[in-house]
Amino acid sequence: MTLYIAAYDAESAGCLAACRKIVEVHRRYGMPATFFITGKCLEASPKEYRALLDDPLFEIASHTYAHRSLRDHEVCGPAVSAEEVREDIFLGKEWVERVFERPCLGLRPACGFPHGLRGAPELLRLIHEAGYRYVSSALWGPFFSMPAPLRGPFSYQADCFADLWDIPGHGWHENLLKGHHGWGALRLLLFPPDMPEAIPPQYVRTPDEEFAYNNRPFIDRAIAEGQPHVSLVWHPWSLDRFDPEMRMLEITFRYVRERGLECGTFAALAERCRAGLVKGP
C-alpha cells in the first residue's frame, strides 16, 4: 500500500506562526507529519518549536543549519564552502537533537536536486559521518524541471553508502506553483510533460486549484502505480500566505482518508527501506 507522508520545510521566521495553524489541522485528523526545520529556526525559537511539535504524531528532521546550497544548483545557485557545508550538515542535526531531545534521523538539503546526491561521495560521507539514516534530496525533475516526478526510495549503494537511503519528494514545490519565489519567469516545464494534468495554465489562485493541479494528481497516480510513498513539497510560510485558513490541508487530508491510504513519516519509511521491506529501483 502507498504510504502518504505530509512534510514541511521550515526555513524562515514566518514558519513558526504558520506551523501553529498546520498543527491544528494535523491533530484534528490524527495525521502524522515530518517537519524538516533549519537549525537557525530552532536556534531563534527553541522553546516555541518544542512546545508545538513535541508530539508522537510528528517527526522532526533537519533542513540543514542555514539553508545553504550543499552542491551546485542550476536554480538556487552554487554550493557554499566546504566549511559551510559541514556546518549545515552537522549543526542542523545538533539543533534538532538539542531542542527535541531525540535522534534526528533525516536531512532534507536546501532546494533539493534532480538526482539527489548521486555522484557526490564527499557529501554522502559527511551525512553518513553525522549519523543520518536517510536524506530527502531528490526533489526536482530532469534538468531542474517541475513538477518532481513520482519516484520511490533508493539507496546510495553505487556511491558506497548502501545503508543511506534517499526518500524523494513529489510534485511542485508549492511556493513555485503560486509565484511566491519572487524570481520572475522561470523555465521549469519539460516538453512534453510527464503529467499534463499537473500543469496549470497559470499560477494557482485558490486552495481548490492547488489540490486539483498538484495534490490529487500525484496521490491518484501513486495509488494507480503502487508507489511505495507519495509526499508533496510544502513550505509553512508559503501555505500561510496563500491560504491562512489551511483549507488545502483539510481538502487533502480528507481525500487521503477517503482513498484509504496509510499515513506515516519519512523516518518510518526509511526504517522499512533499511529492513529490506521496500525495494529500490
Protein backbone atom coordinates (compact mmCIF):
# COMPACT_ATOMS: atom_id res chain seq x y z
CA MET A 1 0.00 0.00 0.00
CA THR A 2 1.19 3.52 -0.80
CA LEU A 3 2.29 5.48 2.28
CA TYR A 4 1.18 9.12 2.35
CA ILE A 5 3.66 11.41 4.10
CA ALA A 6 2.79 15.02 4.90
CA ALA A 7 6.01 17.04 5.09
CA TYR A 8 7.02 20.64 5.62
CA ASP A 9 10.23 22.60 5.00
CA ALA A 10 10.53 25.24 7.74
CA GLU A 11 13.28 27.66 6.77
CA SER A 12 12.23 31.21 7.73
CA ALA A 13 10.88 33.26 10.62
CA GLY A 14 7.33 33.15 9.26
CA CYS A 15 7.19 29.37 9.58
CA LEU A 16 6.53 29.25 13.32
CA ALA A 17 3.18 31.07 13.19
CA ALA A 18 2.21 29.01 10.13
CA CYS A 19 3.13 25.76 11.88
CA ARG A 20 0.71 26.59 14.69
CA LYS A 21 -2.14 26.55 12.15
CA ILE A 22 -0.79 23.46 10.39
CA VAL A 23 -0.52 21.51 13.64
CA GLU A 24 -4.17 22.23 14.48
CA VAL A 25 -5.26 20.55 11.25
CA HIS A 26 -2.96 17.58 11.79
CA ARG A 27 -4.29 16.97 15.28
CA ARG A 28 -7.90 17.13 14.09
CA TYR A 29 -7.19 14.43 11.52
CA GLY A 30 -4.70 12.43 13.58
CA MET A 31 -2.34 12.90 10.62
CA PRO A 32 1.40 12.22 11.10
CA ALA A 33 3.95 14.54 9.52
CA THR A 34 7.66 15.14 9.10
CA PHE A 35 8.87 18.67 9.77
CA PHE A 36 12.23 19.49 8.21
CA ILE A 37 13.42 22.54 10.20
CA THR A 38 16.58 24.59 9.84
CA GLY A 39 18.88 24.89 12.81
CA LYS A 40 18.60 28.67 12.61
CA CYS A 41 14.81 28.50 13.05
CA LEU A 42 15.26 26.30 16.11
CA GLU A 43 18.05 28.50 17.45
CA ALA A 44 15.74 31.53 17.24
CA SER A 45 12.68 29.91 18.85
CA PRO A 46 13.66 26.67 20.62
CA LYS A 47 11.01 26.65 23.34
CA GLU A 48 8.22 27.59 20.94
CA TYR A 49 9.03 24.85 18.44
CA ARG A 50 9.41 22.26 21.17
CA ALA A 51 6.08 23.15 22.77
CA LEU A 52 4.36 23.00 19.41
CA LEU A 53 5.90 19.91 17.78
CA ASP A 54 6.96 17.62 20.63
CA ASP A 55 4.21 15.14 19.78
CA PRO A 56 4.28 11.43 18.81
CA LEU A 57 2.48 12.36 15.57
CA PHE A 58 5.46 14.33 14.33
CA GLU A 59 8.97 13.52 13.21
CA ILE A 60 11.45 16.39 13.41
CA ALA A 61 14.28 16.24 10.89
CA SER A 62 16.95 18.66 9.69
CA HIS A 63 16.60 21.13 6.85
CA THR A 64 20.31 21.97 7.35
CA TYR A 65 21.53 24.65 9.70
CA ALA A 66 21.27 27.74 7.46
CA HIS A 67 19.52 26.59 4.26
CA ARG A 68 22.57 26.93 2.03
CA SER A 69 23.27 25.02 -1.21
CA LEU A 70 25.26 21.87 -0.45
CA ARG A 71 26.13 21.38 -4.13
CA ASP A 72 25.83 23.49 -7.26
CA HIS A 73 22.21 24.15 -8.17
CA GLU A 74 21.02 25.50 -11.52
CA VAL A 75 18.17 27.49 -9.93
CA CYS A 76 19.33 28.22 -6.38
CA GLY A 77 22.99 28.95 -7.06
CA PRO A 78 26.46 27.48 -6.43
CA ALA A 79 27.49 25.40 -3.46
CA VAL A 80 28.87 27.15 -0.40
CA SER A 81 32.34 26.46 1.00
CA ALA A 82 33.35 23.08 2.39
CA GLU A 83 33.30 24.52 5.93
CA GLU A 84 29.76 25.86 5.49
CA VAL A 85 28.59 22.56 4.01
CA ARG A 86 29.91 20.70 7.04
CA GLU A 87 28.29 23.21 9.40
CA ASP A 88 24.92 22.88 7.67
CA ILE A 89 25.01 19.08 7.86
CA PHE A 90 26.25 18.69 11.45
CA LEU A 91 24.87 21.77 13.20
CA GLY A 92 21.41 21.33 11.68
CA LYS A 93 21.21 17.86 13.22
CA GLU A 94 22.64 19.09 16.51
CA TRP A 95 19.93 21.73 16.87
CA VAL A 96 17.11 19.25 16.28
CA GLU A 97 18.53 16.92 18.91
CA ARG A 98 19.22 19.73 21.35
CA VAL A 99 15.70 21.16 21.16
CA PHE A 100 13.68 17.93 20.98
CA GLU A 101 16.00 15.58 22.91
CA ARG A 102 15.51 12.76 20.43
CA PRO A 103 17.56 11.47 17.50
CA CYS A 104 17.43 13.40 14.24
CA LEU A 105 17.32 10.70 11.57
CA GLY A 106 16.79 12.63 8.35
CA LEU A 107 18.18 15.51 6.33
CA ARG A 108 16.50 17.49 3.55
CA PRO A 109 19.06 19.74 1.82
CA ALA A 110 18.03 23.24 0.79
CA CYS A 111 16.26 23.27 -2.59
CA GLY A 112 16.95 19.61 -3.41
CA PHE A 113 18.29 18.24 -6.71
CA PRO A 114 17.09 16.28 -9.76
CA HIS A 115 19.08 13.14 -8.90
CA GLY A 116 19.53 13.67 -5.22
CA LEU A 117 23.13 13.38 -4.04
CA ARG A 118 24.22 10.77 -6.56
CA GLY A 119 27.78 11.36 -7.66
CA ALA A 120 28.60 13.44 -4.55
CA PRO A 121 30.60 10.97 -2.41
CA GLU A 122 32.12 13.63 -0.14
CA LEU A 123 28.67 14.97 0.75
CA LEU A 124 27.41 11.46 1.39
CA ARG A 125 30.45 10.72 3.56
CA LEU A 126 29.69 13.75 5.74
CA ILE A 127 26.00 12.83 6.02
CA HIS A 128 26.93 9.27 6.96
CA GLU A 129 29.50 10.52 9.46
CA ALA A 130 26.90 12.80 11.06
CA GLY A 131 24.69 9.75 11.70
CA TYR A 132 21.70 10.41 9.46
CA ARG A 133 19.61 7.39 8.43
CA TYR A 134 18.14 8.97 5.31
CA VAL A 135 18.13 12.06 3.13
CA SER A 136 15.30 13.56 1.11
CA SER A 137 17.16 15.35 -1.66
CA ALA A 138 15.60 14.16 -4.95
CA LEU A 139 13.07 16.99 -5.30
CA TRP A 140 13.21 18.06 -8.98
CA GLY A 141 12.57 16.52 -12.36
CA PRO A 142 15.18 16.15 -15.12
CA PHE A 143 17.13 19.31 -15.98
CA PHE A 144 15.76 21.06 -12.85
CA SER A 145 12.20 20.83 -14.13
CA MET A 146 8.95 20.91 -12.21
CA PRO A 147 6.94 19.08 -11.08
CA ALA A 148 9.17 16.48 -9.44
CA PRO A 149 8.16 13.03 -10.72
CA LEU A 150 6.89 10.13 -8.65
CA ARG A 151 9.93 8.15 -7.58
CA GLY A 152 10.37 5.59 -4.89
CA PRO A 153 13.18 5.47 -2.33
CA PHE A 154 16.68 4.49 -3.47
CA SER A 155 19.92 3.72 -1.69
CA TYR A 156 23.32 5.19 -2.36
CA GLN A 157 24.88 1.77 -2.84
CA ALA A 158 26.51 2.86 -6.11
CA ASP A 159 28.28 5.63 -4.16
CA CYS A 160 29.41 3.12 -1.50
CA PHE A 161 26.78 4.08 1.11
CA ALA A 162 24.32 1.21 0.80
CA ASP A 163 22.70 1.86 4.21
CA LEU A 164 21.90 5.51 3.38
CA TRP A 165 18.58 5.96 1.59
CA ASP A 166 17.07 8.86 -0.29
CA ILE A 167 13.31 9.33 0.02
CA PRO A 168 12.20 11.71 -2.76
CA GLY A 169 9.55 14.41 -2.57
CA HIS A 170 6.97 14.71 -5.33
CA GLY A 171 5.07 17.31 -7.32
CA TRP A 172 5.53 21.03 -7.34
CA HIS A 173 7.39 22.98 -4.74
CA GLU A 174 4.15 24.69 -3.86
CA ASN A 175 5.78 28.13 -3.47
CA LEU A 176 6.76 27.93 -7.16
CA LEU A 177 3.24 26.90 -8.13
CA LYS A 178 1.98 30.14 -6.52
CA GLY A 179 4.71 32.51 -7.71
CA HIS A 180 5.94 33.08 -4.15
CA HIS A 181 9.58 32.61 -5.12
CA GLY A 182 9.81 36.19 -6.43
CA TRP A 183 12.28 35.15 -9.14
CA GLY A 184 10.17 36.22 -12.10
CA ALA A 185 9.66 33.95 -15.11
CA LEU A 186 11.45 30.60 -14.98
CA ARG A 187 11.84 27.77 -17.49
CA LEU A 188 10.54 24.93 -15.35
CA LEU A 189 8.47 22.59 -17.52
CA LEU A 190 9.52 19.56 -19.53
CA PHE A 191 8.10 19.15 -23.01
CA PRO A 192 6.12 17.03 -23.39
CA PRO A 193 5.18 16.95 -19.71
CA ASP A 194 5.09 13.63 -17.91
CA MET A 195 1.89 14.63 -16.09
CA PRO A 196 -0.08 17.16 -18.15
CA GLU A 197 -2.87 17.01 -15.58
CA ALA A 198 -0.45 18.65 -13.11
CA ILE A 199 0.32 21.68 -15.30
CA PRO A 200 -1.95 24.65 -14.51
CA PRO A 201 -2.49 27.38 -17.13
CA GLN A 202 -1.18 29.99 -14.68
CA TYR A 203 -0.17 30.31 -11.04
CA VAL A 204 -2.84 28.63 -8.93
CA ARG A 205 -5.24 31.09 -7.30
CA THR A 206 -7.23 29.05 -4.75
CA PRO A 207 -6.72 26.09 -2.40
CA ASP A 208 -9.05 24.06 -4.64
CA GLU A 209 -6.83 24.74 -7.67
CA GLU A 210 -3.74 23.77 -5.69
CA PHE A 211 -5.36 20.48 -4.76
CA ALA A 212 -6.63 19.87 -8.30
CA TYR A 213 -3.34 20.56 -10.11
CA ASN A 214 -0.82 19.19 -7.63
CA ASN A 215 -2.09 17.08 -4.76
CA ARG A 216 -4.80 14.92 -6.30
CA PRO A 217 -2.88 14.02 -9.49
CA PHE A 218 0.12 12.79 -7.55
CA ILE A 219 -1.91 10.93 -4.94
CA ASP A 220 -4.01 9.25 -7.64
CA ARG A 221 -1.03 8.24 -9.75
CA ALA A 222 0.90 6.93 -6.76
CA ILE A 223 -2.03 4.68 -5.89
CA ALA A 224 -2.53 3.55 -9.50
CA GLU A 225 1.16 2.71 -9.90
CA GLY A 226 1.54 1.10 -6.48
CA GLN A 227 4.29 3.52 -5.50
CA PRO A 228 5.85 2.98 -2.04
CA HIS A 229 5.00 6.53 -1.00
CA VAL A 230 3.75 9.93 -2.06
CA SER A 231 4.88 13.16 -0.38
CA LEU A 232 4.40 16.73 -1.58
CA VAL A 233 6.87 19.57 -1.00
CA TRP A 234 5.24 22.16 1.28
CA HIS A 235 6.58 25.32 2.97
CA PRO A 236 4.71 26.65 6.03
CA TRP A 237 5.35 30.34 5.26
CA SER A 238 4.01 29.94 1.72
CA LEU A 239 0.98 27.89 2.75
CA ASP A 240 0.04 30.57 5.26
CA ARG A 241 0.48 33.45 2.84
CA PHE A 242 -1.72 31.76 0.23
CA ASP A 243 -4.26 30.01 2.43
CA PRO A 244 -4.26 31.27 6.05
CA GLU A 245 -7.23 29.07 6.93
CA MET A 246 -5.33 25.98 5.72
CA ARG A 247 -8.24 24.83 3.57
CA MET A 248 -5.90 22.99 1.22
CA LEU A 249 -4.70 20.79 4.07
CA GLU A 250 -8.28 19.99 5.05
CA ILE A 251 -9.17 19.07 1.45
CA THR A 252 -6.05 16.95 1.02
CA PHE A 253 -6.28 15.08 4.31
CA ARG A 254 -9.95 14.26 3.71
CA TYR A 255 -9.03 12.89 0.29
CA VAL A 256 -6.15 10.83 1.70
CA ARG A 257 -8.56 9.29 4.22
CA GLU A 258 -11.20 8.67 1.53
CA ARG A 259 -8.63 6.84 -0.62
CA GLY A 260 -7.69 4.67 2.36
CA LEU A 261 -4.00 5.48 2.33
CA GLU A 262 -1.72 4.54 5.17
CA CYS A 263 -0.14 7.66 6.68
CA GLY A 264 3.29 7.98 8.25
CA THR A 265 6.62 9.78 8.38
CA PHE A 266 9.87 9.78 6.45
CA ALA A 267 11.61 8.06 9.36
CA ALA A 268 9.09 5.21 9.30
CA LEU A 269 9.62 4.67 5.58
CA ALA A 270 13.40 4.86 5.97
CA GLU A 271 13.29 2.06 8.54
CA ARG A 272 11.26 -0.08 6.13
CA CYS A 273 13.86 0.58 3.45
CA ARG A 274 16.75 -0.36 5.74
CA ALA A 275 14.90 -3.52 6.78
CA GLY A 276 14.53 -4.58 3.14
CA LEU A 277 10.75 -4.12 3.11
CA VAL A 278 10.96 -1.54 0.31
CA LYS A 279 12.98 -2.35 -2.78
CA GLY A 280 14.86 0.43 -4.52
CA PRO A 281 14.87 0.90 -8.30
